[in-house]
Amino acid sequence: MTAAPAQTETPPTGTGTGPGTGTVVAGRAARRAERRLRKLSEQDTVPHGMRPTRAGRIGRAALLTIAALVTVFPFYAMVVLSLKPSAAVEFPGSLLPWPLSGDAYDTVMNAQDVPRWLLNTLIYSVISVIGVLLLASLAGYAFAKKRFPGRETMFWSFLSMVMVPYHVTMIPTFAMIAKLGGVDTYWGLILPTLANAQAVFLMRQFIQGLPDELFEAARLDGCNEWQIFHRIVLPLLKPILATLGVFVFLWHWNDFLWPLVIGQSTDMRTLTVGIASLQQQNVPLNVVLSGSVIAFVPIFAAYMVGQRYFTEGVTASGIKG
């Protein structure tokens, strides 16, 4: 009898056998085990009595949702009312997103004074941001890493100005600027705001935490003080500069009192002062709110540009301080 030839069993399709199948399965199992271990380790770090229950998580989500709605509602009302036709405001009907009209924005942008107010505000805010960041970073570097007589006394004396109310120094500052001929000028508007004690303190605290070995190595390589500041300090200050720049831009963009005092003519008003003056001229509400929306857009854009470093800068300043 002739033996029947041996038949090679072919594995059915879909069983997952093959040269690389074992590696794939092992990789999936390893990833599942890693996720399970990570979840267990996270649970172990939280005491059992402090772990939120399902009802607690739902309640927390509900509270955060309510807080978000309360925060966003004024902006929603401002935008919707600015897009309403010129008519009496009736609540809550006026908050419905219909009918909408852009006539108020046309009125604002075609006004003779509003573009000039917007330009004044941009000049005031942008130049002030550049000046404050430059002076604060230079002063922070000097107070943090340079040794000179009276350094601590000078620093804490300068920082004590934070506790002095702004309204106390405004009158002598205005008198000094007026004697120098700075009323109704850009330099009179910008110059008194460049000495920012809070910005100097923030820069000094961050630079003080940088290792001295960096500066010693740079001096051994032949770098002078300006090269050290430009090549070492400034690159490390990017998160702090971005965070502080956003705050300084917000302060100057929303500043009202000093531009009101120093800007005597209509052509030197900033946007906040100009919008406030519109309310005294019986201008319709939708026109005033459209001006507020236009004033809000650059602030939001500044935050979007600086948000890459914003959280990092706040965290770093908190740790260094």
Foldseek 3Di string as FASTA:
>chain_A
DDDDDDDDDDDDPPPQDDDCSVVVVVVVVVVVVVVVVVVVVVVVVDDPVPDDDPVRVVVVVVVVVVVVCVVCVVVLQLVQLLQDPQDDDDPPVSSDNPDGHNVLVVVQVPDPQNVLQAVLLCLQLPVLLVLQLVVLLVLLCCLQPNDDPCSVVVLVVLLCCVVPDPVVVLVVLLVVCVVVPNFQHSCSLRVVSNSDSVSNVLNNLLNNPDDPVLVVVCVVVPDDPVCCCVVPVVVVCVLQSLQVSLVSSVCSLQDDDSQVVRHPDSSNHHLNPVLVVVVVVPDGPSNSSSSVVVSVVVSVVSCVVSVVSNVVNVVSSVVSD
